Amino acid sequence: MDLTLKIVVISLVVLVLFLGKLVYDRRRDEKRLMRYLNRTWGVPADRDYNEETMQAIAYFFEMTREEQDIDDITWNDLNLDQVYPLLNHTRTSMGEEYLYALLRKPIADRKEMEERERLIQCFLDKPEETLRLQKALVEIGKLMRMSVYRHLQMVHDLPDAKRYRHILSLAAMVLCIPLCLVWPEVMVPFGAILMACNIISYYQSKAELDPCIRLFSFIVRMVKQCENVSSVQIAGLEQYQEELLQLTGCFRKFCRGSNLVAGGKAMGGDLLDSLMDYVRMLFHIDLIKIGTMRIEIQKYQKELFRMYEIIGYVDSMLSVASYRTMEQGQYCVPEFVEQGKILLETEQIRHPLLKEGVKNSLCAQQSVLLTGSNASGKSTFLKTVAINAILAQTLHTVLAQRYRSSMFQITSSMALRDDIMEQESYYMVEIKSLKRILDKSQTSKLPILCFIDEVLRGTNTVERIASSSQILRVLAQEGNLCFAATHDIELTYLLEQEYANYHFEEQITENDVCFDYRLHPGRTNSRNAIRLLQMLGYDSSVIHSAEDMVQHFLDTGKWQ
């Protein structure tokens, strides 16, 4: 065997081994990905929810915020920044941004609710197809600290690529090469100067166009994976897949030759890419392509946002299916009664953050007044009902054995505090918060479902009872459903025509106070504030004097 044949054989063997290694690595990576997807189904997304991340996730909602959405006061009252990570099982940044927006946009559209439920059940009923869909979605990936929606909005503000200047640089180099062969004594020095000028202008321009490069790389990957999502055979998803195919068709010219824009890996050991870096520097082919891509993407920004919405919607419904798998046997699908009827009926409802929390049942056809001693569970119950009401009208999923209700606009006034920056007292913050609920009750097309904890606690007893009784009466008489917690037993008598009374109670022993956290009908008849002082070791003279004053007031109606 001569030397040439040996070289050919060795080259073929190396090529076969190289291709075999590529196939092996691809299959190995795919198996790893499938194991990861199976392992993380029914598990919240592994995310660092710091302030920067949450701002990025919330950006899409902030850009699409409407009057009837869950406002910031209600969101913070209910600690929904802590609930959201439990619900976030998404595979893409678009999905988690869209899921966040869904949670803040309760709807009353039955057809849309039915469509959400159809998709969720579709994913639950077809695990193999759902796995392939997740594979396509996870390839899109997540941006670490930047909103995809904000990223896509950058299309408006992309810097001018000055494409024609780079075309001239390309033409000059192309003409210079043959002229160097014909007229070397003049053109070789000129070519060296031209090369230096092209390299310098290349790096200057590339620094300016770096936002374009990062954005276009993401969009190309997004378009490619949208095509993969469209190719997954999953019955029930056809209408979304067909629309995605139509949308991705608009970006064929944008994506064609997009690999020219890649690069910058000269130190990574990839010989071909290293050679291409020099070609890019001398001929500016990637900068010319960026200019073409910029023109194309600005033609189809509307289609780009529609792709974002479809992927976000599908991924968020996939996330709900995964969440239901995690809460297997602990959730129900809500039932909604006809408009005009005020009802909230639930059995064995629980808080999403309290896996082993006490479950309560309630049938409210009128507003509810909650009484009970400190730490007995009033605030937690209000939050439990409020959060599940939001989940019912957003994710069509409730953590209860059964849930029937009207469709509401949901709001609250609970975890308030004074505002030092605005120089507002607690009372001012509180009455402003309550005023916004009253205003909503006047303008909302839906009945208001509101949750109020300790009405007007920021002022004196006499005026608090007088004012809060009138505010609560107005809220109940407007055809709304109000859940209010109070320590003022007087309100249970003043409002017994408008509000049903419920309470939480405790068992008091010599050295302890035990709470069962269960909802009971009627008003409370117990107090534990002084007993808690005693348990914490306050001086006995303080305890006995306080008890004597309470007893004197109960006997005479006057303070001693």
Protein backbone atom coordinates (compact mmCIF):
# COMPACT_ATOMS: atom_id res chain seq x y z
CA MET A 1 0.00 0.00 0.00
CA ASP A 2 1.58 3.27 -1.11
CA LEU A 3 1.78 6.37 1.07
CA THR A 4 -1.14 8.17 -0.62
CA LEU A 5 -3.51 5.26 -0.01
CA LYS A 6 -2.41 5.01 3.62
CA ILE A 7 -3.11 8.71 4.12
CA VAL A 8 -6.56 8.33 2.55
CA VAL A 9 -7.40 5.31 4.73
CA ILE A 10 -6.16 6.99 7.90
CA SER A 11 -8.12 10.12 7.01
CA LEU A 12 -11.29 8.10 6.46
CA VAL A 13 -10.83 6.26 9.77
CA VAL A 14 -10.32 9.57 11.60
CA LEU A 15 -13.38 11.04 9.87
CA VAL A 16 -15.53 8.01 10.79
CA LEU A 17 -14.33 8.14 14.41
CA PHE A 18 -14.99 11.89 14.53
CA LEU A 19 -18.52 11.50 13.13
CA GLY A 20 -19.16 8.56 15.44
CA LYS A 21 -18.08 10.65 18.42
CA LEU A 22 -20.43 13.44 17.33
CA VAL A 23 -23.37 11.00 17.07
CA TYR A 24 -22.50 9.42 20.41
CA ASP A 25 -22.23 12.80 22.15
CA ARG A 26 -25.52 13.96 20.66
CA ARG A 27 -27.38 10.83 21.79
CA ARG A 28 -25.77 11.00 25.23
CA ASP A 29 -26.77 14.66 25.63
CA GLU A 30 -30.31 13.91 24.47
CA LYS A 31 -30.65 11.08 27.00
CA ARG A 32 -29.36 13.37 29.74
CA LEU A 33 -31.86 16.04 28.72
CA MET A 34 -34.75 13.55 28.75
CA ARG A 35 -33.74 12.32 32.21
CA TYR A 36 -33.58 15.92 33.40
CA LEU A 37 -37.03 16.70 31.99
CA ASN A 38 -38.54 13.60 33.58
CA ARG A 39 -36.85 14.35 36.91
CA THR A 40 -38.01 17.97 37.01
CA TRP A 41 -41.62 17.39 35.93
CA GLY A 42 -43.81 18.29 38.88
CA VAL A 43 -40.95 20.32 40.40
CA PRO A 44 -40.73 24.15 40.58
CA ALA A 45 -38.14 25.82 38.37
CA ASP A 46 -34.67 26.08 39.90
CA ARG A 47 -34.39 29.87 39.96
CA ASP A 48 -32.71 32.57 42.04
CA TYR A 49 -35.63 34.92 42.68
CA ASN A 50 -33.67 37.99 43.68
CA GLU A 51 -34.97 41.50 43.12
CA GLU A 52 -33.33 41.84 39.70
CA THR A 53 -34.79 38.54 38.50
CA MET A 54 -38.29 39.40 39.71
CA GLN A 55 -38.15 42.78 37.97
CA ALA A 56 -37.25 41.02 34.72
CA ILE A 57 -40.05 38.47 35.15
CA ALA A 58 -42.57 41.22 35.93
CA TYR A 59 -41.61 43.46 33.00
CA PHE A 60 -44.11 41.99 30.51
CA PHE A 61 -46.94 42.51 33.01
CA GLU A 62 -45.84 46.08 33.70
CA MET A 63 -45.98 46.85 29.97
CA THR A 64 -49.49 45.36 29.63
CA ARG A 65 -50.99 46.39 33.00
CA GLU A 66 -54.73 47.20 33.05
CA GLU A 67 -57.11 48.72 35.59
CA GLN A 68 -58.77 45.43 36.56
CA ASP A 69 -55.49 43.58 37.18
CA ILE A 70 -54.20 42.58 40.60
CA ASP A 71 -52.62 45.77 41.89
CA ASP A 72 -49.34 46.06 43.79
CA ILE A 73 -51.02 46.46 47.19
CA THR A 74 -52.98 43.24 46.79
CA TRP A 75 -49.98 41.38 45.34
CA ASN A 76 -47.84 42.37 48.34
CA ASP A 77 -50.65 41.79 50.87
CA LEU A 78 -50.92 38.17 49.75
CA ASN A 79 -47.14 37.53 49.55
CA LEU A 80 -47.56 36.41 45.96
CA ASP A 81 -43.86 36.93 45.24
CA GLN A 82 -43.40 33.90 47.51
CA VAL A 83 -46.26 31.91 45.94
CA TYR A 84 -45.13 32.49 42.35
CA PRO A 85 -41.93 30.38 42.62
CA LEU A 86 -44.05 27.37 43.65
CA LEU A 87 -46.20 27.79 40.53
CA ASN A 88 -43.33 28.47 38.15
CA HIS A 89 -42.53 25.16 36.40
CA THR A 90 -41.84 26.82 33.06
CA ARG A 91 -39.08 25.88 30.60
CA THR A 92 -38.58 29.29 28.95
CA SER A 93 -38.20 32.92 29.96
CA MET A 94 -41.27 33.73 27.86
CA GLY A 95 -43.21 31.16 29.85
CA GLU A 96 -42.28 32.49 33.28
CA GLU A 97 -42.94 36.09 32.24
CA TYR A 98 -46.30 35.12 30.76
CA LEU A 99 -47.18 33.03 33.83
CA TYR A 100 -46.48 35.98 36.11
CA ALA A 101 -48.70 38.21 33.97
CA LEU A 102 -51.48 35.58 34.00
CA LEU A 103 -51.44 35.52 37.81
CA ARG A 104 -51.99 39.26 37.88
CA LYS A 105 -54.77 39.24 35.28
CA PRO A 106 -57.81 37.32 36.58
CA ILE A 107 -60.39 36.85 33.83
CA ALA A 108 -64.14 36.33 33.62
CA ASP A 109 -64.15 34.88 30.09
CA ARG A 110 -65.55 31.35 30.31
CA LYS A 111 -64.36 30.39 26.83
CA GLU A 112 -60.82 31.37 27.65
CA MET A 113 -61.05 29.43 30.91
CA GLU A 114 -62.23 26.37 29.01
CA GLU A 115 -59.34 26.73 26.55
CA ARG A 116 -56.81 26.91 29.38
CA GLU A 117 -58.30 23.81 30.97
CA ARG A 118 -58.27 21.99 27.60
CA LEU A 119 -54.56 22.66 27.14
CA ILE A 120 -53.69 21.68 30.72
CA GLN A 121 -55.55 18.38 30.37
CA CYS A 122 -53.96 17.83 26.98
CA PHE A 123 -50.51 17.98 28.57
CA LEU A 124 -51.53 15.78 31.50
CA ASP A 125 -53.10 13.13 29.25
CA LYS A 126 -50.20 12.84 26.77
CA PRO A 127 -46.96 12.52 28.78
CA GLU A 128 -44.75 11.30 25.90
CA GLU A 129 -45.79 14.09 23.54
CA THR A 130 -45.52 16.58 26.40
CA LEU A 131 -41.96 15.43 27.02
CA ARG A 132 -41.01 16.14 23.41
CA LEU A 133 -42.66 19.54 23.65
CA GLN A 134 -40.63 20.33 26.77
CA LYS A 135 -37.46 19.31 24.93
CA ALA A 136 -38.18 21.87 22.21
CA LEU A 137 -39.01 24.55 24.79
CA VAL A 138 -35.98 24.00 27.00
CA GLU A 139 -33.73 24.56 23.98
CA ILE A 140 -35.00 28.15 23.85
CA GLY A 141 -33.74 28.56 27.39
CA LYS A 142 -33.94 31.43 29.86
CA LEU A 143 -32.19 34.76 30.06
CA MET A 144 -30.56 35.17 33.43
CA ARG A 145 -31.36 38.73 34.48
CA MET A 146 -33.17 40.37 31.56
CA SER A 147 -36.75 40.22 30.38
CA VAL A 148 -37.26 38.61 26.96
CA TYR A 149 -40.09 41.06 26.30
CA ARG A 150 -37.77 43.96 27.03
CA HIS A 151 -35.11 42.28 24.91
CA LEU A 152 -37.50 42.13 21.96
CA GLN A 153 -38.50 45.76 22.47
CA MET A 154 -34.89 46.67 21.71
CA VAL A 155 -35.77 46.13 18.04
CA HIS A 156 -37.12 49.71 18.16
CA ASP A 157 -33.79 51.15 19.28
CA LEU A 158 -31.20 49.09 17.40
CA PRO A 159 -28.24 51.20 16.24
CA ASP A 160 -27.83 51.76 12.51
CA ALA A 161 -25.45 49.10 11.17
CA LYS A 162 -24.27 51.45 8.35
CA ARG A 163 -24.44 48.53 6.00
CA TYR A 164 -23.28 50.39 2.88
CA ARG A 165 -20.03 51.47 4.54
CA HIS A 166 -19.24 47.82 5.25
CA ILE A 167 -20.22 46.83 1.70
CA LEU A 168 -17.61 49.32 0.47
CA SER A 169 -15.03 47.75 2.81
CA LEU A 170 -15.89 44.32 1.38
CA ALA A 171 -15.70 45.56 -2.23
CA ALA A 172 -12.34 47.25 -1.62
CA MET A 173 -10.81 44.05 -0.24
CA VAL A 174 -12.27 41.91 -3.05
CA LEU A 175 -10.81 44.27 -5.68
CA CYS A 176 -7.49 44.61 -3.87
CA ILE A 177 -6.67 40.88 -3.90
CA PRO A 178 -6.43 40.37 -7.72
CA LEU A 179 -4.80 43.79 -8.17
CA CYS A 180 -2.04 42.73 -5.78
CA LEU A 181 -1.16 39.99 -8.26
CA VAL A 182 -1.22 42.34 -11.26
CA TRP A 183 0.38 45.43 -9.70
CA PRO A 184 2.14 44.18 -6.56
CA GLU A 185 4.61 47.05 -6.01
CA VAL A 186 1.74 49.50 -5.49
CA MET A 187 -1.18 47.36 -4.35
CA VAL A 188 0.57 45.24 -1.71
CA PRO A 189 1.41 48.28 0.48
CA PHE A 190 -2.05 49.70 -0.22
CA GLY A 191 -3.63 46.32 0.66
CA ALA A 192 -1.77 46.27 3.98
CA ILE A 193 -3.08 49.73 4.83
CA LEU A 194 -6.59 48.68 3.73
CA MET A 195 -6.43 45.56 5.92
CA ALA A 196 -5.40 47.62 8.92
CA CYS A 197 -8.21 50.13 8.31
CA ASN A 198 -10.79 47.35 7.90
CA ILE A 199 -9.69 45.63 11.11
CA ILE A 200 -9.80 48.87 13.12
CA SER A 201 -13.21 49.91 11.75
CA TYR A 202 -14.48 46.33 12.27
CA TYR A 203 -13.80 46.36 16.00
CA GLN A 204 -15.20 49.85 16.40
CA SER A 205 -18.42 48.91 14.61
CA LYS A 206 -18.76 45.55 16.34
CA ALA A 207 -18.57 47.18 19.77
CA GLU A 208 -21.43 49.50 18.76
CA LEU A 209 -23.47 46.59 17.34
CA ASP A 210 -22.97 44.20 20.25
CA PRO A 211 -26.65 44.64 21.39
CA CYS A 212 -27.73 43.62 17.87
CA ILE A 213 -25.53 40.53 17.91
CA ARG A 214 -26.88 39.32 21.27
CA LEU A 215 -30.48 40.08 20.35
CA PHE A 216 -30.27 38.49 16.90
CA SER A 217 -28.63 35.35 18.31
CA PHE A 218 -31.53 34.96 20.74
CA ILE A 219 -34.17 35.58 18.05
CA VAL A 220 -32.57 33.07 15.65
CA ARG A 221 -32.59 30.44 18.42
CA MET A 222 -36.17 31.37 19.29
CA VAL A 223 -37.35 31.04 15.67
CA LYS A 224 -35.58 27.69 15.24
CA GLN A 225 -37.12 26.26 18.41
CA CYS A 226 -40.56 27.61 17.48
CA GLU A 227 -40.23 25.49 14.33
CA ASN A 228 -39.37 22.50 16.54
CA VAL A 229 -42.39 23.21 18.77
CA SER A 230 -44.54 23.24 15.63
CA SER A 231 -43.18 19.85 14.56
CA VAL A 232 -44.11 18.02 17.79
CA GLN A 233 -47.09 15.78 17.13
CA ILE A 234 -49.47 16.50 20.00
CA ALA A 235 -53.22 16.40 19.43
CA GLY A 236 -54.96 19.56 20.63
CA LEU A 237 -52.06 21.91 19.98
CA GLU A 238 -52.54 22.18 16.20
CA GLN A 239 -53.96 25.71 16.07
CA TYR A 240 -50.97 27.12 17.96
CA GLN A 241 -48.48 25.09 15.93
CA GLU A 242 -49.96 26.19 12.62
CA GLU A 243 -49.81 29.84 13.65
CA LEU A 244 -46.20 29.42 14.80
CA LEU A 245 -45.28 27.93 11.41
CA GLN A 246 -46.81 30.89 9.62
CA LEU A 247 -44.98 33.31 11.89
CA THR A 248 -41.59 31.61 11.58
CA GLY A 249 -41.99 31.75 7.80
CA CYS A 250 -41.68 35.55 8.04
CA PHE A 251 -38.16 35.17 9.43
CA ARG A 252 -36.58 32.93 6.78
CA LYS A 253 -34.61 35.78 5.24
CA PHE A 254 -33.66 37.01 8.70
CA CYS A 255 -32.26 33.60 9.70
CA ARG A 256 -30.63 32.77 6.35
CA GLY A 257 -26.86 33.10 6.73
CA SER A 258 -27.21 34.06 10.41
CA ASN A 259 -24.24 31.78 11.21
CA LEU A 260 -22.07 34.48 9.62
CA VAL A 261 -22.80 36.63 12.67
CA ALA A 262 -21.48 33.97 15.06
CA GLY A 263 -17.87 33.92 16.04
CA GLY A 264 -15.54 35.41 18.56
CA LYS A 265 -14.30 31.96 19.63
CA ALA A 266 -10.80 32.20 18.19
CA MET A 267 -9.34 31.16 21.54
CA GLY A 268 -11.71 28.24 21.89
CA GLY A 269 -9.75 25.82 19.74
CA ASP A 270 -12.21 25.69 16.81
CA LEU A 271 -9.93 26.06 13.78
CA LEU A 272 -12.72 26.80 11.28
CA ASP A 273 -14.22 29.46 13.51
CA SER A 274 -10.79 30.99 14.08
CA LEU A 275 -10.26 31.27 10.33
CA MET A 276 -13.74 32.75 9.90
CA ASP A 277 -12.92 35.42 12.48
CA TYR A 278 -10.14 36.71 10.22
CA VAL A 279 -12.48 36.64 7.22
CA ARG A 280 -15.03 38.67 9.19
CA MET A 281 -12.44 41.23 10.26
CA LEU A 282 -11.16 41.75 6.73
CA PHE A 283 -14.40 41.57 4.75
CA HIS A 284 -17.04 42.71 7.34
CA ILE A 285 -19.45 40.01 6.14
CA ASP A 286 -21.08 39.66 9.60
CA LEU A 287 -21.62 43.43 9.90
CA ILE A 288 -23.25 43.50 6.47
CA LYS A 289 -25.50 40.61 7.54
CA ILE A 290 -26.41 42.44 10.76
CA GLY A 291 -27.55 45.41 8.69
CA THR A 292 -29.78 43.13 6.58
CA MET A 293 -31.13 41.39 9.70
CA ARG A 294 -31.93 44.76 11.29
CA ILE A 295 -34.03 45.79 8.30
CA GLU A 296 -35.87 42.44 8.30
CA ILE A 297 -36.59 42.29 12.02
CA GLN A 298 -38.06 45.79 12.08
CA LYS A 299 -40.52 44.72 9.37
CA TYR A 300 -41.85 41.88 11.51
CA GLN A 301 -41.79 43.12 15.09
CA LYS A 302 -45.53 42.48 15.48
CA GLU A 303 -45.04 38.84 14.41
CA LEU A 304 -42.12 38.55 16.81
CA PHE A 305 -44.28 39.57 19.77
CA ARG A 306 -47.01 37.17 18.68
CA MET A 307 -44.47 34.32 18.73
CA TYR A 308 -43.51 35.44 22.24
CA GLU A 309 -47.16 35.30 23.34
CA ILE A 310 -47.81 31.84 21.88
CA ILE A 311 -44.70 30.28 23.42
CA GLY A 312 -45.39 32.06 26.73
CA TYR A 313 -49.00 30.89 26.79
CA VAL A 314 -48.24 27.27 25.90
CA ASP A 315 -45.34 27.10 28.38
CA SER A 316 -47.42 28.64 31.19
CA MET A 317 -50.19 26.06 30.66
CA LEU A 318 -47.51 23.35 30.66
CA SER A 319 -46.32 24.81 33.97
CA VAL A 320 -49.84 24.51 35.43
CA ALA A 321 -49.98 20.85 34.34
CA SER A 322 -46.67 20.24 36.11
CA TYR A 323 -47.91 22.08 39.22
CA ARG A 324 -51.04 19.93 39.29
CA THR A 325 -48.82 16.85 39.13
CA MET A 326 -46.93 18.17 42.17
CA GLU A 327 -50.21 18.79 44.02
CA GLN A 328 -51.78 15.50 42.94
CA GLY A 329 -54.98 14.88 44.91
CA GLN A 330 -54.71 18.27 46.63
CA TYR A 331 -56.37 20.50 44.02
CA CYS A 332 -59.67 20.88 42.19
CA VAL A 333 -60.92 22.60 39.05
CA PRO A 334 -63.12 25.59 39.99
CA GLU A 335 -66.80 25.83 39.11
CA PHE A 336 -68.20 29.24 38.24
CA VAL A 337 -71.84 30.21 38.79
CA GLU A 338 -73.85 32.45 36.48
CA GLN A 339 -73.25 36.19 36.55
CA GLY A 340 -75.46 38.12 38.94
CA LYS A 341 -75.22 35.59 41.75
CA ILE A 342 -72.85 36.29 44.63
CA LEU A 343 -71.29 33.12 45.99
CA LEU A 344 -68.01 31.73 47.24
CA GLU A 345 -68.27 28.14 48.41
CA THR A 346 -65.24 25.99 49.15
CA GLU A 347 -64.43 22.75 50.92
CA GLN A 348 -61.10 21.92 52.54
CA ILE A 349 -59.27 24.95 51.15
CA ARG A 350 -55.62 25.48 52.05
CA HIS A 351 -52.80 27.99 51.58
CA PRO A 352 -50.25 27.07 48.85
CA LEU A 353 -47.30 27.87 51.13
CA LEU A 354 -48.63 25.67 53.95
CA LYS A 355 -48.43 22.10 52.70
CA GLU A 356 -49.56 20.69 56.05
CA GLY A 357 -51.77 23.65 56.93
CA VAL A 358 -55.24 23.29 58.41
CA LYS A 359 -57.97 23.12 55.76
CA ASN A 360 -61.24 25.00 56.18
CA SER A 361 -64.63 25.03 54.48
CA LEU A 362 -67.01 27.92 53.91
CA CYS A 363 -70.15 28.84 52.00
CA ALA A 364 -70.46 32.62 51.69
CA GLN A 365 -73.52 34.11 50.01
CA GLN A 366 -73.01 37.41 51.81
CA SER A 367 -70.00 39.25 53.18
CA VAL A 368 -68.08 37.68 56.08
CA LEU A 369 -66.81 39.22 59.32
CA LEU A 370 -64.03 37.28 61.07
CA THR A 371 -63.28 37.63 64.76
CA GLY A 372 -60.89 35.83 67.04
CA SER A 373 -57.96 36.41 69.32
CA ASN A 374 -54.42 37.27 68.30
CA ALA A 375 -52.56 34.62 66.25
CA SER A 376 -55.72 32.51 65.90
CA GLY A 377 -55.55 32.35 62.08
CA LYS A 378 -57.72 35.19 60.76
CA SER A 379 -55.11 36.77 58.47
CA THR A 380 -53.92 33.42 57.12
CA PHE A 381 -57.48 32.41 56.29
CA LEU A 382 -58.11 35.69 54.45
CA LYS A 383 -54.94 35.15 52.41
CA THR A 384 -55.87 31.52 51.75
CA VAL A 385 -59.24 32.44 50.24
CA ALA A 386 -57.85 35.42 48.34
CA ILE A 387 -54.94 33.52 46.75
CA ASN A 388 -57.15 30.62 45.72
CA ALA A 389 -59.72 33.00 44.25
CA ILE A 390 -56.93 34.43 42.09
CA LEU A 391 -55.71 30.94 41.12
CA ALA A 392 -59.27 30.01 40.16
CA GLN A 393 -59.61 32.92 37.70
CA THR A 394 -56.09 32.65 36.29
CA LEU A 395 -54.71 29.09 36.34
CA HIS A 396 -58.11 27.38 36.70
CA THR A 397 -56.68 25.47 39.65
CA VAL A 398 -57.64 25.71 43.33
CA LEU A 399 -56.02 24.07 46.35
CA ALA A 400 -59.26 22.70 47.75
CA GLN A 401 -61.51 19.69 47.58
CA ARG A 402 -64.21 21.80 45.92
CA TYR A 403 -64.57 25.42 44.85
CA ARG A 404 -67.66 27.19 43.46
CA SER A 405 -67.87 30.93 43.08
CA SER A 406 -68.93 33.94 41.09
CA MET A 407 -66.31 35.68 38.98
CA PHE A 408 -64.90 38.70 40.77
CA GLN A 409 -62.47 41.55 40.58
CA ILE A 410 -60.15 40.76 43.48
CA THR A 411 -58.48 43.28 45.79
CA SER A 412 -57.30 43.62 49.38
CA SER A 413 -56.13 45.95 52.15
CA MET A 414 -54.13 43.95 54.67
CA ALA A 415 -50.38 44.27 55.18
CA LEU A 416 -50.17 48.07 55.27
CA ARG A 417 -47.56 50.25 56.95
CA ASP A 418 -46.76 53.92 57.22
CA ASP A 419 -44.86 55.55 54.35
CA ILE A 420 -41.84 57.50 55.63
CA MET A 421 -40.79 58.69 52.17
CA GLU A 422 -44.22 60.19 51.50
CA GLN A 423 -44.49 61.35 55.13
CA GLU A 424 -47.81 59.55 55.54
CA SER A 425 -49.02 58.02 58.79
CA TYR A 426 -50.37 54.49 58.96
CA TYR A 427 -53.90 55.85 59.13
CA MET A 428 -53.43 57.90 55.94
CA VAL A 429 -52.02 54.88 54.09
CA GLU A 430 -54.93 52.77 55.35
CA ILE A 431 -57.75 55.11 54.36
CA LYS A 432 -56.20 55.60 50.92
CA SER A 433 -56.03 51.83 50.49
CA LEU A 434 -59.69 51.43 51.50
CA LYS A 435 -60.71 54.34 49.25
CA ARG A 436 -59.23 52.58 46.22
CA ILE A 437 -61.45 49.53 46.98
CA LEU A 438 -64.53 51.74 47.24
CA ASP A 439 -63.59 53.41 43.94
CA LYS A 440 -63.19 50.04 42.24
CA SER A 441 -66.61 48.97 43.48
CA GLN A 442 -68.07 51.96 41.63
CA THR A 443 -66.33 51.31 38.30
CA SER A 444 -65.85 47.53 38.08
CA LYS A 445 -68.02 45.55 35.69
CA LEU A 446 -67.66 42.57 38.02
CA PRO A 447 -68.57 42.33 41.72
CA ILE A 448 -65.63 43.09 44.00
CA LEU A 449 -64.15 40.33 46.15
CA CYS A 450 -62.17 42.21 48.79
CA PHE A 451 -60.19 41.20 51.85
CA ILE A 452 -59.60 43.64 54.72
CA ASP A 453 -57.57 42.88 57.82
CA GLU A 454 -58.21 44.96 60.96
CA VAL A 455 -60.25 47.82 59.54
CA LEU A 456 -58.91 51.29 60.44
CA ARG A 457 -56.63 49.97 63.17
CA GLY A 458 -54.63 53.20 62.89
CA THR A 459 -57.09 55.39 64.80
CA ASN A 460 -58.96 55.57 68.12
CA THR A 461 -61.60 53.03 69.09
CA VAL A 462 -64.72 55.19 68.91
CA GLU A 463 -64.01 56.67 65.49
CA ARG A 464 -62.64 53.35 64.20
CA ILE A 465 -65.87 51.49 64.96
CA ALA A 466 -68.07 54.26 63.57
CA SER A 467 -66.08 54.71 60.36
CA SER A 468 -65.28 51.06 59.69
CA SER A 469 -68.91 50.01 60.18
CA GLN A 470 -70.01 52.47 57.50
CA ILE A 471 -67.23 51.54 55.06
CA LEU A 472 -67.93 47.82 55.46
CA ARG A 473 -71.68 48.41 55.11
CA VAL A 474 -71.20 50.30 51.85
CA LEU A 475 -68.96 47.54 50.46
CA ALA A 476 -71.52 44.87 51.30
CA GLN A 477 -74.47 46.85 49.94
CA GLU A 478 -72.81 47.44 46.56
CA GLY A 479 -73.37 43.80 45.64
CA ASN A 480 -69.79 42.82 46.48
CA LEU A 481 -68.35 40.11 48.67
CA CYS A 482 -66.17 41.43 51.49
CA PHE A 483 -64.12 39.34 53.93
CA ALA A 484 -63.03 41.46 56.91
CA ALA A 485 -61.14 40.52 60.07
CA THR A 486 -61.51 42.60 63.23
CA HIS A 487 -60.93 42.64 66.97
CA ASP A 488 -63.90 44.98 67.43
CA ILE A 489 -66.73 42.73 68.59
CA GLU A 490 -69.05 45.74 68.36
CA LEU A 491 -68.91 45.45 64.57
CA THR A 492 -70.42 41.95 64.68
CA TYR A 493 -73.58 43.49 66.15
CA LEU A 494 -73.64 46.66 64.07
CA LEU A 495 -73.25 44.70 60.80
CA GLU A 496 -75.11 41.49 61.54
CA GLN A 497 -77.64 42.21 58.76
CA GLU A 498 -74.97 42.64 56.10
CA TYR A 499 -72.25 40.24 57.32
CA ALA A 500 -72.20 36.59 58.36
CA ASN A 501 -70.15 36.10 61.52
CA TYR A 502 -67.37 33.52 61.77
CA HIS A 503 -64.52 33.20 64.25
CA PHE A 504 -61.35 31.36 65.19
CA GLU A 505 -60.81 30.18 68.75
CA GLU A 506 -58.17 28.70 71.06
CA GLN A 507 -57.78 26.47 74.08
CA ILE A 508 -56.19 28.27 77.06
CA THR A 509 -54.32 26.30 79.72
CA GLU A 510 -52.35 27.56 82.68
CA ASN A 511 -49.10 28.00 80.76
CA ASP A 512 -50.09 27.80 77.14
CA VAL A 513 -52.50 28.93 74.42
CA CYS A 514 -53.32 26.30 71.76
CA PHE A 515 -54.93 27.21 68.43
CA ASP A 516 -56.79 24.79 66.19
CA TYR A 517 -56.92 27.28 63.23
CA ARG A 518 -60.41 26.04 62.32
CA LEU A 519 -63.21 28.30 61.19
CA HIS A 520 -66.29 28.32 63.43
CA PRO A 521 -69.67 30.00 62.87
CA GLY A 522 -70.68 32.97 65.01
CA ARG A 523 -68.72 35.71 66.78
CA THR A 524 -65.84 35.05 69.17
CA ASN A 525 -66.25 35.30 72.93
CA SER A 526 -62.61 34.89 73.93
CA ARG A 527 -59.62 37.18 74.46
CA ASN A 528 -55.98 36.21 74.91
CA ALA A 529 -53.94 39.43 74.81
CA ILE A 530 -53.39 39.61 78.58
CA ARG A 531 -52.70 35.86 78.80
CA LEU A 532 -49.97 36.21 76.17
CA LEU A 533 -48.36 38.96 78.29
CA GLN A 534 -48.37 36.57 81.22
CA MET A 535 -46.83 33.75 79.18
CA LEU A 536 -43.99 36.04 78.09
CA GLY A 537 -43.13 36.80 81.73
CA TYR A 538 -44.58 40.28 82.28
CA ASP A 539 -44.70 41.38 85.92
CA SER A 540 -47.73 39.99 87.78
CA SER A 541 -48.80 43.49 88.90
CA VAL A 542 -49.21 44.50 85.24
CA ILE A 543 -51.24 41.37 84.53
CA HIS A 544 -53.54 41.66 87.55
CA SER A 545 -54.17 45.38 87.05
CA ALA A 546 -55.03 44.84 83.39
CA GLU A 547 -57.43 41.98 84.24
CA ASP A 548 -59.13 44.14 86.90
CA MET A 549 -59.60 46.99 84.42
CA VAL A 550 -61.15 44.64 81.83
CA GLN A 551 -63.55 43.15 84.35
CA HIS A 552 -64.59 46.58 85.59
CA PHE A 553 -65.28 47.74 82.03
CA LEU A 554 -67.32 44.60 81.27
CA ASP A 555 -69.38 45.09 84.45
CA THR A 556 -69.99 48.85 84.18
CA GLY A 557 -69.24 49.87 80.61
CA LYS A 558 -66.74 52.42 81.94
CA TRP A 559 -62.96 52.40 82.27
CA GLN A 560 -61.63 52.38 85.79
